[in-house]
Each structure stands twice: as C-alpha cells, then as structure tokens.
Amino acid sequence: MSDRGSRSRVKRCTFTLPASDEALIDHIQELANRMGLHTPTRSEVVRAALKHLDWANERRFRSAFEGLERIKTGRPPAAGKGPGEG
C-alpha cells in the first residue's frame, strides 16, 4: 500500500470572511509565531477553531453563532462591470 492510500482525504474549500475575521486570523498566526510555535496556515487556524467549537458547551456554542456578523456570500462582481455588461 502506498502512502497516498493511508492518508485521510482532504477537501479544498473557499469561503467568504469579513475583513475583521481576516485580521483575526493574521493576529492568531502572529501570536503563534511569538509563542515559538510554527506559524499556522490559514487552514490550520480554521481547523483549530473548529475543534475548539466542537469542545464548547452549549452556551458557548450558541454564543459563538449568535455573535457572528451575517455577511453576503459569493464573489463580488468583476471590477468595472455593471449589471448586463459582461
């Protein structure tokens, strides 16, 4: 059996984040670096947050979702193109 067969499968994802969450990921990466840890990738930061959320009690779990900013998903229109121009 090759190494490829023994690895867990991964899925490539893209998603929309507000600028404040992007800045938070950058802050977490810098904090890990200052603590002497390897600088986590953006994916590792998200995965660590998911594990933390999974461990949360019901009150903290609910609070995490109720405190989220609701944002419009999807890609923004191409620059310079208005509706019906493309």
N, C-alpha and C. Protein backbone atom coordinates (compact mmCIF):
# COMPACT_ATOMS: atom_id res chain seq x y z
N MET A 1 0.85 -1.18 0.00
CA MET A 1 0.00 0.00 0.00
C MET A 1 0.90 1.24 0.00
N SER A 2 0.55 2.24 -0.80
CA SER A 2 1.35 3.46 -0.87
C SER A 2 0.95 4.42 0.24
N ASP A 3 1.78 5.45 0.45
CA ASP A 3 1.47 6.47 1.44
C ASP A 3 0.18 7.19 1.10
N ARG A 4 -0.10 7.35 -0.18
CA ARG A 4 -1.33 8.05 -0.58
C ARG A 4 -2.58 7.34 -0.07
N GLY A 5 -2.57 6.03 -0.06
CA GLY A 5 -3.73 5.29 0.39
C GLY A 5 -3.98 5.38 1.88
N SER A 6 -2.92 5.67 2.66
CA SER A 6 -3.08 5.71 4.11
C SER A 6 -3.43 7.10 4.63
N ARG A 7 -3.34 8.12 3.81
CA ARG A 7 -3.66 9.48 4.25
C ARG A 7 -5.16 9.70 4.25
N SER A 8 -5.59 10.55 5.17
CA SER A 8 -7.01 10.90 5.16
C SER A 8 -7.25 11.86 3.99
N ARG A 9 -8.43 11.77 3.46
CA ARG A 9 -8.77 12.62 2.31
C ARG A 9 -9.02 14.04 2.79
N VAL A 10 -8.68 14.99 1.95
CA VAL A 10 -8.91 16.39 2.27
C VAL A 10 -9.80 16.99 1.20
N LYS A 11 -10.49 18.05 1.56
CA LYS A 11 -11.38 18.74 0.63
C LYS A 11 -10.96 20.19 0.59
N ARG A 12 -10.80 20.70 -0.60
CA ARG A 12 -10.44 22.10 -0.78
C ARG A 12 -11.71 22.94 -0.68
N CYS A 13 -11.68 23.98 0.15
CA CYS A 13 -12.85 24.83 0.37
C CYS A 13 -12.47 26.30 0.19
N THR A 14 -13.42 27.05 -0.26
CA THR A 14 -13.27 28.50 -0.27
C THR A 14 -14.51 29.08 0.39
N PHE A 15 -14.32 30.15 1.12
CA PHE A 15 -15.46 30.77 1.77
C PHE A 15 -15.18 32.25 1.97
N THR A 16 -16.22 32.98 2.32
CA THR A 16 -16.16 34.42 2.45
C THR A 16 -16.00 34.81 3.92
N LEU A 17 -15.06 35.72 4.18
CA LEU A 17 -14.83 36.22 5.53
C LEU A 17 -14.83 37.74 5.51
N PRO A 18 -15.38 38.37 6.53
CA PRO A 18 -15.24 39.82 6.62
C PRO A 18 -13.79 40.18 6.95
N ALA A 19 -13.41 41.41 6.65
CA ALA A 19 -12.03 41.86 6.88
C ALA A 19 -11.62 41.69 8.34
N SER A 20 -12.56 41.87 9.27
CA SER A 20 -12.21 41.74 10.69
C SER A 20 -11.79 40.31 11.02
N ASP A 21 -12.41 39.31 10.39
CA ASP A 21 -12.02 37.92 10.63
C ASP A 21 -10.69 37.60 9.97
N GLU A 22 -10.44 38.18 8.81
CA GLU A 22 -9.13 38.02 8.16
C GLU A 22 -8.04 38.57 9.07
N ALA A 23 -8.31 39.74 9.67
CA ALA A 23 -7.33 40.35 10.58
C ALA A 23 -7.13 39.47 11.82
N LEU A 24 -8.20 38.84 12.29
CA LEU A 24 -8.10 37.95 13.44
C LEU A 24 -7.22 36.73 13.13
N ILE A 25 -7.37 36.18 11.94
CA ILE A 25 -6.51 35.06 11.53
C ILE A 25 -5.05 35.51 11.52
N ASP A 26 -4.79 36.69 10.96
CA ASP A 26 -3.42 37.22 10.94
C ASP A 26 -2.88 37.37 12.37
N HIS A 27 -3.71 37.89 13.27
CA HIS A 27 -3.31 38.06 14.68
C HIS A 27 -2.98 36.71 15.32
N ILE A 28 -3.81 35.71 15.06
CA ILE A 28 -3.57 34.38 15.63
C ILE A 28 -2.28 33.79 15.09
N GLN A 29 -2.01 33.98 13.81
CA GLN A 29 -0.76 33.50 13.22
C GLN A 29 0.44 34.18 13.88
N GLU A 30 0.35 35.50 14.08
CA GLU A 30 1.44 36.24 14.72
C GLU A 30 1.63 35.79 16.17
N LEU A 31 0.54 35.57 16.88
CA LEU A 31 0.61 35.12 18.27
C LEU A 31 1.32 33.77 18.37
N ALA A 32 0.95 32.84 17.50
CA ALA A 32 1.59 31.52 17.50
C ALA A 32 3.08 31.66 17.23
N ASN A 33 3.42 32.53 16.30
CA ASN A 33 4.82 32.76 15.96
C ASN A 33 5.58 33.33 17.17
N ARG A 34 4.99 34.30 17.87
CA ARG A 34 5.63 34.90 19.05
C ARG A 34 5.79 33.87 20.17
N MET A 35 4.88 32.90 20.23
CA MET A 35 4.94 31.87 21.27
C MET A 35 5.96 30.78 20.94
N GLY A 36 6.59 30.89 19.78
CA GLY A 36 7.58 29.91 19.39
C GLY A 36 7.00 28.69 18.69
N LEU A 37 5.72 28.75 18.38
CA LEU A 37 5.09 27.67 17.62
C LEU A 37 5.35 27.90 16.13
N HIS A 38 5.18 26.87 15.32
CA HIS A 38 5.26 27.12 13.89
C HIS A 38 4.10 28.04 13.52
N THR A 39 4.29 28.89 12.55
CA THR A 39 3.22 29.79 12.14
C THR A 39 2.16 28.96 11.42
N PRO A 40 0.95 28.90 11.97
CA PRO A 40 -0.08 28.07 11.36
C PRO A 40 -0.56 28.67 10.04
N THR A 41 -0.95 27.79 9.14
CA THR A 41 -1.58 28.25 7.91
C THR A 41 -2.98 28.73 8.23
N ARG A 42 -3.61 29.42 7.30
CA ARG A 42 -4.99 29.86 7.50
C ARG A 42 -5.89 28.64 7.74
N SER A 43 -5.65 27.58 7.01
CA SER A 43 -6.42 26.36 7.17
C SER A 43 -6.26 25.79 8.58
N GLU A 44 -5.04 25.80 9.11
CA GLU A 44 -4.81 25.28 10.46
C GLU A 44 -5.51 26.14 11.51
N VAL A 45 -5.56 27.44 11.31
CA VAL A 45 -6.27 28.32 12.24
C VAL A 45 -7.76 27.96 12.25
N VAL A 46 -8.34 27.80 11.08
CA VAL A 46 -9.76 27.45 10.98
C VAL A 46 -10.01 26.08 11.61
N ARG A 47 -9.14 25.11 11.33
CA ARG A 47 -9.32 23.77 11.87
C ARG A 47 -9.21 23.76 13.39
N ALA A 48 -8.28 24.55 13.95
CA ALA A 48 -8.16 24.65 15.41
C ALA A 48 -9.42 25.27 16.00
N ALA A 49 -9.96 26.29 15.34
CA ALA A 49 -11.19 26.93 15.82
C ALA A 49 -12.35 25.94 15.78
N LEU A 50 -12.42 25.12 14.75
CA LEU A 50 -13.48 24.12 14.66
C LEU A 50 -13.40 23.13 15.81
N LYS A 51 -12.18 22.67 16.13
CA LYS A 51 -12.02 21.75 17.26
C LYS A 51 -12.45 22.41 18.56
N HIS A 52 -12.07 23.68 18.74
CA HIS A 52 -12.45 24.41 19.94
C HIS A 52 -13.96 24.54 20.03
N LEU A 53 -14.60 24.83 18.93
CA LEU A 53 -16.06 24.96 18.90
C LEU A 53 -16.73 23.62 19.20
N ASP A 54 -16.15 22.55 18.72
CA ASP A 54 -16.70 21.22 18.97
C ASP A 54 -16.63 20.87 20.47
N TRP A 55 -15.61 21.37 21.15
CA TRP A 55 -15.44 21.09 22.58
C TRP A 55 -16.29 22.01 23.45
N ALA A 56 -16.86 23.07 22.88
CA ALA A 56 -17.57 24.08 23.67
C ALA A 56 -18.86 23.51 24.27
N ASN A 57 -19.21 24.04 25.43
CA ASN A 57 -20.50 23.65 25.98
C ASN A 57 -21.60 24.36 25.17
N GLU A 58 -22.84 24.00 25.42
CA GLU A 58 -23.95 24.51 24.61
C GLU A 58 -24.05 26.04 24.67
N ARG A 59 -23.83 26.63 25.83
CA ARG A 59 -23.93 28.08 25.97
C ARG A 59 -22.89 28.79 25.13
N ARG A 60 -21.64 28.32 25.18
CA ARG A 60 -20.57 28.94 24.39
C ARG A 60 -20.78 28.68 22.89
N PHE A 61 -21.26 27.51 22.57
CA PHE A 61 -21.54 27.17 21.17
C PHE A 61 -22.58 28.14 20.60
N ARG A 62 -23.69 28.31 21.33
CA ARG A 62 -24.75 29.22 20.91
C ARG A 62 -24.23 30.65 20.80
N SER A 63 -23.48 31.09 21.78
CA SER A 63 -22.94 32.43 21.81
C SER A 63 -22.04 32.71 20.60
N ALA A 64 -21.25 31.71 20.22
CA ALA A 64 -20.35 31.88 19.07
C ALA A 64 -21.14 32.18 17.80
N PHE A 65 -22.24 31.50 17.61
CA PHE A 65 -23.03 31.71 16.40
C PHE A 65 -23.90 32.95 16.47
N GLU A 66 -24.41 33.23 17.65
CA GLU A 66 -25.25 34.43 17.78
C GLU A 66 -24.43 35.70 17.64
N GLY A 67 -23.15 35.63 17.92
CA GLY A 67 -22.28 36.80 17.83
C GLY A 67 -21.68 37.03 16.45
N LEU A 68 -21.94 36.13 15.52
CA LEU A 68 -21.36 36.29 14.18
C LEU A 68 -22.06 37.36 13.37
N GLU A 69 -21.26 38.11 12.63
CA GLU A 69 -21.80 39.07 11.67
C GLU A 69 -22.31 38.28 10.46
N ARG A 70 -23.52 38.56 10.04
CA ARG A 70 -24.08 37.91 8.85
C ARG A 70 -23.55 38.64 7.62
N ILE A 71 -22.96 37.91 6.70
CA ILE A 71 -22.40 38.53 5.51
C ILE A 71 -22.96 37.88 4.25
N LYS A 72 -22.97 38.64 3.19
CA LYS A 72 -23.42 38.13 1.90
C LYS A 72 -22.30 37.25 1.35
N THR A 73 -22.66 36.07 0.89
CA THR A 73 -21.66 35.15 0.36
C THR A 73 -21.55 35.30 -1.16
N GLY A 74 -20.53 34.72 -1.70
CA GLY A 74 -20.33 34.75 -3.15
C GLY A 74 -19.25 35.73 -3.53
N ARG A 75 -18.91 35.70 -4.79
CA ARG A 75 -17.86 36.57 -5.31
C ARG A 75 -18.44 37.93 -5.67
N PRO A 76 -17.66 38.99 -5.43
CA PRO A 76 -18.13 40.31 -5.85
C PRO A 76 -18.08 40.41 -7.37
N PRO A 77 -18.87 41.31 -7.97
CA PRO A 77 -18.82 41.46 -9.41
C PRO A 77 -17.45 41.92 -9.86
N ALA A 78 -17.08 41.59 -11.09
CA ALA A 78 -15.79 41.99 -11.64
C ALA A 78 -15.70 43.51 -11.67
N ALA A 79 -14.52 44.04 -11.39
CA ALA A 79 -14.32 45.49 -11.36
C ALA A 79 -14.62 46.11 -12.72
N GLY A 80 -15.35 47.22 -12.70
CA GLY A 80 -15.64 47.94 -13.93
C GLY A 80 -16.80 47.40 -14.72
N LYS A 81 -17.41 46.34 -14.26
CA LYS A 81 -18.55 45.77 -14.98
C LYS A 81 -19.81 45.96 -14.16
N GLY A 82 -20.76 46.59 -14.76
CA GLY A 82 -22.04 46.74 -14.10
C GLY A 82 -22.97 45.63 -14.54
N PRO A 83 -24.21 45.63 -14.05
CA PRO A 83 -25.17 44.62 -14.47
C PRO A 83 -25.39 44.66 -15.98
N GLY A 84 -25.35 43.52 -16.59
CA GLY A 84 -25.61 43.40 -18.03
C GLY A 84 -24.43 43.77 -18.91
N GLU A 85 -23.24 43.98 -18.32
CA GLU A 85 -22.07 44.37 -19.13
C GLU A 85 -21.08 43.22 -19.31
N GLY A 86 -21.50 42.02 -19.34
CA GLY A 86 -20.46 41.05 -19.46
C GLY A 86 -20.91 39.74 -19.77
